[in-house]
N, C-alpha and C. Protein backbone atom coordinates (compact mmCIF):
# COMPACT_ATOMS: atom_id res chain seq x y z
N MET A 1 0.85 -1.18 0.00
CA MET A 1 0.00 0.00 0.00
C MET A 1 0.89 1.24 0.00
N GLY A 2 0.44 2.28 -0.65
CA GLY A 2 1.18 3.53 -0.68
C GLY A 2 0.23 4.71 -0.67
N ILE A 3 0.79 5.89 -0.53
CA ILE A 3 -0.01 7.11 -0.45
C ILE A 3 0.50 8.12 -1.47
N ILE A 4 -0.43 8.70 -2.20
CA ILE A 4 -0.15 9.82 -3.09
C ILE A 4 -0.77 11.05 -2.45
N ARG A 5 0.01 12.12 -2.32
CA ARG A 5 -0.52 13.38 -1.79
C ARG A 5 -0.34 14.46 -2.83
N ILE A 6 -1.43 15.15 -3.12
CA ILE A 6 -1.38 16.34 -3.97
C ILE A 6 -1.81 17.48 -3.05
N GLU A 7 -0.89 18.38 -2.76
CA GLU A 7 -1.14 19.37 -1.71
C GLU A 7 -1.15 20.80 -2.27
N ASP A 8 -1.98 21.61 -1.64
CA ASP A 8 -2.05 23.04 -1.93
C ASP A 8 -2.36 23.37 -3.39
N MET A 9 -3.29 22.61 -3.97
CA MET A 9 -3.78 22.98 -5.30
C MET A 9 -4.59 24.26 -5.10
N GLU A 10 -4.22 25.31 -5.79
CA GLU A 10 -4.88 26.60 -5.58
C GLU A 10 -5.77 26.94 -6.77
N PHE A 11 -6.98 27.40 -6.44
CA PHE A 11 -7.96 27.76 -7.46
C PHE A 11 -8.64 29.06 -7.05
N TYR A 12 -8.96 29.87 -8.03
CA TYR A 12 -9.85 31.00 -7.80
C TYR A 12 -11.20 30.55 -8.33
N ALA A 13 -12.20 30.51 -7.45
CA ALA A 13 -13.49 29.94 -7.82
C ALA A 13 -14.62 30.75 -7.21
N PHE A 14 -15.83 30.38 -7.56
CA PHE A 14 -17.03 31.17 -7.23
C PHE A 14 -18.02 30.36 -6.42
N HIS A 15 -17.55 29.83 -5.30
CA HIS A 15 -18.39 29.02 -4.41
C HIS A 15 -18.78 29.85 -3.19
N GLY A 16 -19.96 29.56 -2.66
CA GLY A 16 -20.35 30.19 -1.41
C GLY A 16 -21.85 30.23 -1.23
N HIS A 17 -22.24 30.38 0.00
CA HIS A 17 -23.66 30.48 0.35
C HIS A 17 -24.23 31.81 -0.13
N PHE A 18 -23.46 32.88 0.00
CA PHE A 18 -23.95 34.22 -0.34
C PHE A 18 -23.78 34.50 -1.83
N LYS A 19 -24.77 35.16 -2.39
CA LYS A 19 -24.77 35.49 -3.82
C LYS A 19 -23.49 36.23 -4.21
N GLU A 20 -23.05 37.15 -3.35
CA GLU A 20 -21.85 37.94 -3.63
C GLU A 20 -20.62 37.04 -3.79
N GLU A 21 -20.54 35.99 -3.01
CA GLU A 21 -19.40 35.06 -3.11
C GLU A 21 -19.37 34.37 -4.47
N ARG A 22 -20.55 34.08 -4.99
CA ARG A 22 -20.63 33.40 -6.29
C ARG A 22 -20.41 34.36 -7.45
N ILE A 23 -20.37 35.67 -7.15
CA ILE A 23 -20.09 36.69 -8.18
C ILE A 23 -18.63 37.13 -8.11
N VAL A 24 -18.17 37.48 -6.91
CA VAL A 24 -16.81 38.01 -6.71
C VAL A 24 -15.77 36.90 -6.72
N GLY A 25 -16.07 35.77 -6.12
CA GLY A 25 -15.14 34.66 -6.04
C GLY A 25 -14.18 34.77 -4.87
N ASN A 26 -13.34 33.75 -4.74
CA ASN A 26 -12.41 33.67 -3.62
C ASN A 26 -11.33 32.65 -3.97
N ARG A 27 -10.26 32.64 -3.16
CA ARG A 27 -9.20 31.65 -3.29
C ARG A 27 -9.56 30.40 -2.50
N PHE A 28 -9.29 29.26 -3.10
CA PHE A 28 -9.53 27.97 -2.46
C PHE A 28 -8.27 27.12 -2.58
N LEU A 29 -8.01 26.33 -1.55
CA LEU A 29 -6.92 25.36 -1.59
C LEU A 29 -7.53 23.97 -1.45
N VAL A 30 -7.00 23.03 -2.20
CA VAL A 30 -7.47 21.64 -2.14
C VAL A 30 -6.27 20.74 -1.90
N ASP A 31 -6.39 19.86 -0.91
CA ASP A 31 -5.40 18.81 -0.65
C ASP A 31 -6.08 17.48 -0.86
N LEU A 32 -5.36 16.55 -1.46
CA LEU A 32 -5.93 15.24 -1.74
C LEU A 32 -4.93 14.16 -1.36
N THR A 33 -5.40 13.16 -0.65
CA THR A 33 -4.59 11.99 -0.29
C THR A 33 -5.28 10.76 -0.86
N ILE A 34 -4.50 9.96 -1.58
CA ILE A 34 -5.02 8.74 -2.20
C ILE A 34 -4.20 7.56 -1.71
N GLU A 35 -4.88 6.55 -1.18
CA GLU A 35 -4.22 5.31 -0.81
C GLU A 35 -4.43 4.31 -1.93
N THR A 36 -3.34 3.68 -2.37
CA THR A 36 -3.40 2.75 -3.49
C THR A 36 -2.29 1.71 -3.36
N ASP A 37 -2.45 0.60 -4.03
CA ASP A 37 -1.43 -0.43 -4.07
C ASP A 37 -0.37 -0.01 -5.08
N MET A 38 0.85 0.19 -4.61
CA MET A 38 1.92 0.68 -5.49
C MET A 38 2.95 -0.40 -5.85
N ARG A 39 2.67 -1.65 -5.51
CA ARG A 39 3.66 -2.70 -5.79
C ARG A 39 3.97 -2.83 -7.28
N ILE A 40 2.95 -2.88 -8.12
CA ILE A 40 3.18 -3.08 -9.56
C ILE A 40 3.87 -1.88 -10.19
N PRO A 41 3.37 -0.63 -10.00
CA PRO A 41 4.09 0.49 -10.63
C PRO A 41 5.50 0.71 -10.06
N ALA A 42 5.72 0.32 -8.80
CA ALA A 42 7.06 0.46 -8.22
C ALA A 42 8.05 -0.46 -8.93
N GLU A 43 7.54 -1.56 -9.46
CA GLU A 43 8.39 -2.50 -10.18
C GLU A 43 8.44 -2.20 -11.67
N SER A 44 7.28 -1.89 -12.26
CA SER A 44 7.21 -1.74 -13.72
C SER A 44 7.72 -0.39 -14.23
N ASP A 45 7.63 0.65 -13.41
CA ASP A 45 8.00 2.01 -13.83
C ASP A 45 7.16 2.46 -15.02
N ASN A 46 5.89 2.02 -15.03
CA ASN A 46 5.00 2.31 -16.16
C ASN A 46 3.74 3.02 -15.65
N LEU A 47 3.44 4.18 -16.23
CA LEU A 47 2.29 4.98 -15.79
C LEU A 47 0.97 4.23 -15.90
N LYS A 48 0.84 3.36 -16.87
CA LYS A 48 -0.43 2.63 -17.03
C LYS A 48 -0.73 1.72 -15.83
N ASP A 49 0.29 1.42 -15.03
CA ASP A 49 0.10 0.58 -13.85
C ASP A 49 -0.17 1.39 -12.58
N ALA A 50 -0.12 2.70 -12.68
CA ALA A 50 -0.21 3.57 -11.50
C ALA A 50 -1.47 4.43 -11.54
N VAL A 51 -1.80 5.02 -10.40
CA VAL A 51 -2.82 6.06 -10.36
C VAL A 51 -2.19 7.30 -10.98
N ASN A 52 -2.80 7.79 -12.04
CA ASN A 52 -2.26 8.94 -12.77
C ASN A 52 -2.67 10.23 -12.04
N TYR A 53 -1.76 10.79 -11.26
CA TYR A 53 -2.13 11.95 -10.46
C TYR A 53 -2.23 13.21 -11.29
N GLN A 54 -1.71 13.23 -12.50
CA GLN A 54 -1.97 14.36 -13.41
C GLN A 54 -3.46 14.37 -13.78
N ARG A 55 -4.02 13.20 -14.06
CA ARG A 55 -5.44 13.09 -14.37
C ARG A 55 -6.28 13.46 -13.14
N VAL A 56 -5.83 13.05 -11.97
CA VAL A 56 -6.55 13.39 -10.74
C VAL A 56 -6.61 14.90 -10.58
N TYR A 57 -5.49 15.60 -10.82
CA TYR A 57 -5.48 17.07 -10.75
C TYR A 57 -6.50 17.66 -11.72
N GLU A 58 -6.54 17.15 -12.94
CA GLU A 58 -7.49 17.66 -13.94
C GLU A 58 -8.94 17.49 -13.47
N ILE A 59 -9.22 16.36 -12.83
CA ILE A 59 -10.57 16.11 -12.29
C ILE A 59 -10.90 17.13 -11.21
N VAL A 60 -9.96 17.37 -10.29
CA VAL A 60 -10.18 18.36 -9.23
C VAL A 60 -10.43 19.73 -9.85
N LYS A 61 -9.62 20.11 -10.81
CA LYS A 61 -9.77 21.41 -11.47
C LYS A 61 -11.15 21.57 -12.10
N LEU A 62 -11.60 20.54 -12.80
CA LEU A 62 -12.95 20.60 -13.40
C LEU A 62 -14.03 20.77 -12.35
N GLN A 63 -13.92 20.07 -11.24
CA GLN A 63 -14.93 20.17 -10.19
C GLN A 63 -14.90 21.55 -9.52
N MET A 64 -13.72 22.13 -9.40
CA MET A 64 -13.62 23.46 -8.79
C MET A 64 -14.21 24.55 -9.68
N GLU A 65 -14.34 24.28 -10.96
CA GLU A 65 -14.93 25.25 -11.88
C GLU A 65 -16.46 25.29 -11.80
N LYS A 66 -17.07 24.28 -11.19
CA LYS A 66 -18.53 24.22 -11.06
C LYS A 66 -18.94 24.89 -9.75
N LYS A 67 -19.82 25.88 -9.82
CA LYS A 67 -20.23 26.62 -8.62
C LYS A 67 -21.01 25.74 -7.65
N SER A 68 -20.72 25.93 -6.37
CA SER A 68 -21.43 25.24 -5.29
C SER A 68 -21.67 26.22 -4.16
N HIS A 69 -22.67 25.92 -3.34
CA HIS A 69 -22.95 26.73 -2.16
C HIS A 69 -22.10 26.29 -0.97
N LEU A 70 -21.78 24.99 -0.89
CA LEU A 70 -21.12 24.46 0.30
C LEU A 70 -19.81 23.75 -0.03
N LEU A 71 -18.84 23.89 0.87
CA LEU A 71 -17.57 23.17 0.73
C LEU A 71 -17.81 21.66 0.77
N GLU A 72 -18.77 21.22 1.56
CA GLU A 72 -19.09 19.80 1.65
C GLU A 72 -19.50 19.25 0.29
N HIS A 73 -20.27 20.04 -0.45
CA HIS A 73 -20.72 19.62 -1.78
C HIS A 73 -19.54 19.51 -2.74
N ILE A 74 -18.64 20.47 -2.69
CA ILE A 74 -17.45 20.43 -3.55
C ILE A 74 -16.63 19.18 -3.24
N ALA A 75 -16.36 18.94 -1.96
CA ALA A 75 -15.56 17.78 -1.55
C ALA A 75 -16.21 16.48 -2.01
N GLY A 76 -17.51 16.38 -1.85
CA GLY A 76 -18.23 15.18 -2.29
C GLY A 76 -18.17 14.97 -3.78
N ARG A 77 -18.31 16.05 -4.54
CA ARG A 77 -18.23 15.96 -6.01
C ARG A 77 -16.83 15.53 -6.45
N ILE A 78 -15.80 16.07 -5.80
CA ILE A 78 -14.43 15.69 -6.14
C ILE A 78 -14.23 14.19 -5.92
N LEU A 79 -14.65 13.68 -4.77
CA LEU A 79 -14.49 12.25 -4.50
C LEU A 79 -15.31 11.41 -5.48
N ASP A 80 -16.55 11.81 -5.75
CA ASP A 80 -17.38 11.07 -6.71
C ASP A 80 -16.70 10.97 -8.07
N ALA A 81 -16.18 12.10 -8.55
CA ALA A 81 -15.56 12.15 -9.88
C ALA A 81 -14.27 11.33 -9.92
N ILE A 82 -13.47 11.41 -8.88
CA ILE A 82 -12.21 10.66 -8.85
C ILE A 82 -12.49 9.15 -8.85
N TYR A 83 -13.41 8.71 -8.00
CA TYR A 83 -13.74 7.29 -7.96
C TYR A 83 -14.37 6.81 -9.27
N ALA A 84 -15.13 7.67 -9.94
CA ALA A 84 -15.77 7.30 -11.20
C ALA A 84 -14.76 7.17 -12.35
N GLU A 85 -13.68 7.94 -12.30
CA GLU A 85 -12.77 8.01 -13.44
C GLU A 85 -11.42 7.36 -13.24
N VAL A 86 -11.03 7.07 -12.01
CA VAL A 86 -9.68 6.57 -11.74
C VAL A 86 -9.77 5.21 -11.06
N GLU A 87 -9.05 4.24 -11.60
CA GLU A 87 -9.04 2.90 -11.01
C GLU A 87 -7.89 2.75 -10.02
N GLY A 88 -8.07 1.86 -9.07
CA GLY A 88 -6.99 1.50 -8.16
C GLY A 88 -6.97 2.26 -6.85
N ILE A 89 -7.97 3.10 -6.60
CA ILE A 89 -8.00 3.88 -5.35
C ILE A 89 -8.64 3.03 -4.27
N LYS A 90 -7.92 2.85 -3.18
CA LYS A 90 -8.45 2.11 -2.02
C LYS A 90 -9.17 3.05 -1.06
N LYS A 91 -8.62 4.24 -0.89
CA LYS A 91 -9.22 5.25 -0.01
C LYS A 91 -8.74 6.62 -0.49
N ALA A 92 -9.62 7.61 -0.40
CA ALA A 92 -9.25 8.98 -0.76
C ALA A 92 -9.79 9.94 0.29
N THR A 93 -9.00 10.95 0.58
CA THR A 93 -9.39 12.01 1.50
C THR A 93 -9.13 13.34 0.81
N VAL A 94 -10.15 14.21 0.82
CA VAL A 94 -10.00 15.53 0.22
C VAL A 94 -10.28 16.60 1.28
N LYS A 95 -9.47 17.64 1.24
CA LYS A 95 -9.65 18.79 2.11
C LYS A 95 -9.83 20.00 1.21
N VAL A 96 -10.95 20.70 1.36
CA VAL A 96 -11.23 21.91 0.59
C VAL A 96 -11.26 23.08 1.57
N SER A 97 -10.42 24.08 1.31
CA SER A 97 -10.31 25.25 2.18
C SER A 97 -10.68 26.51 1.43
N LYS A 98 -11.53 27.33 2.06
CA LYS A 98 -11.85 28.66 1.52
C LYS A 98 -11.00 29.66 2.30
N MET A 99 -10.22 30.44 1.58
CA MET A 99 -9.34 31.41 2.20
C MET A 99 -10.11 32.70 2.51
N ASN A 100 -9.82 33.30 3.64
CA ASN A 100 -10.47 34.56 4.05
C ASN A 100 -11.99 34.52 3.90
N PRO A 101 -12.66 33.57 4.54
CA PRO A 101 -14.11 33.46 4.38
C PRO A 101 -14.84 34.66 5.00
N PRO A 102 -15.96 35.07 4.41
CA PRO A 102 -16.71 36.22 4.93
C PRO A 102 -17.54 35.83 6.15
N MET A 103 -16.89 35.76 7.31
CA MET A 103 -17.58 35.31 8.53
C MET A 103 -17.63 36.39 9.61
N GLY A 104 -17.28 37.62 9.26
CA GLY A 104 -17.40 38.71 10.21
C GLY A 104 -16.19 38.95 11.07
N GLY A 105 -15.07 38.33 10.74
CA GLY A 105 -13.84 38.51 11.49
C GLY A 105 -12.65 38.12 10.65
N LYS A 106 -11.47 38.31 11.21
CA LYS A 106 -10.26 37.94 10.48
C LYS A 106 -10.02 36.44 10.66
N ILE A 107 -10.24 35.69 9.59
CA ILE A 107 -10.09 34.23 9.61
C ILE A 107 -9.26 33.83 8.42
N TRP A 108 -8.20 33.07 8.66
CA TRP A 108 -7.30 32.65 7.58
C TRP A 108 -8.05 31.76 6.59
N SER A 109 -8.74 30.72 7.11
CA SER A 109 -9.47 29.81 6.20
C SER A 109 -10.48 29.01 7.00
N VAL A 110 -11.39 28.41 6.26
CA VAL A 110 -12.30 27.41 6.81
C VAL A 110 -12.19 26.21 5.88
N SER A 111 -12.18 25.00 6.46
CA SER A 111 -11.94 23.79 5.66
C SER A 111 -12.96 22.72 5.97
N VAL A 112 -13.15 21.85 4.97
CA VAL A 112 -13.96 20.65 5.12
C VAL A 112 -13.09 19.49 4.67
N VAL A 113 -13.10 18.41 5.44
CA VAL A 113 -12.35 17.21 5.09
C VAL A 113 -13.34 16.05 4.96
N LEU A 114 -13.24 15.33 3.83
CA LEU A 114 -14.16 14.23 3.56
C LEU A 114 -13.34 13.04 3.08
N SER A 115 -13.64 11.84 3.60
CA SER A 115 -12.92 10.62 3.21
C SER A 115 -13.90 9.57 2.74
N ARG A 116 -13.39 8.73 1.83
CA ARG A 116 -14.14 7.56 1.38
C ARG A 116 -13.17 6.43 1.13
């Protein structure tokens, strides 16, 4: 078993509960951890035997382009899409963070973490 981590993927996107957030947009960070069996690709040195994390990034990017009201919804969509399109994933965890959320105070970020 092995772990692939794609960390601090940064996107400017238009997610949020408030209408203004979906118009003005905000910075979001996404971290993804994938557990997979790496015995075959460790031996073969062939991408076709491995989880293609370039493709995983493209999937995350596409999901971040779709507007959502909730971070939970974004995280769920990311996991749904990754499991639908990528083989060999035993477990995946995604963390979606909204930077400087409009919560009435100085807050660095708010995050949601979802695993399957």
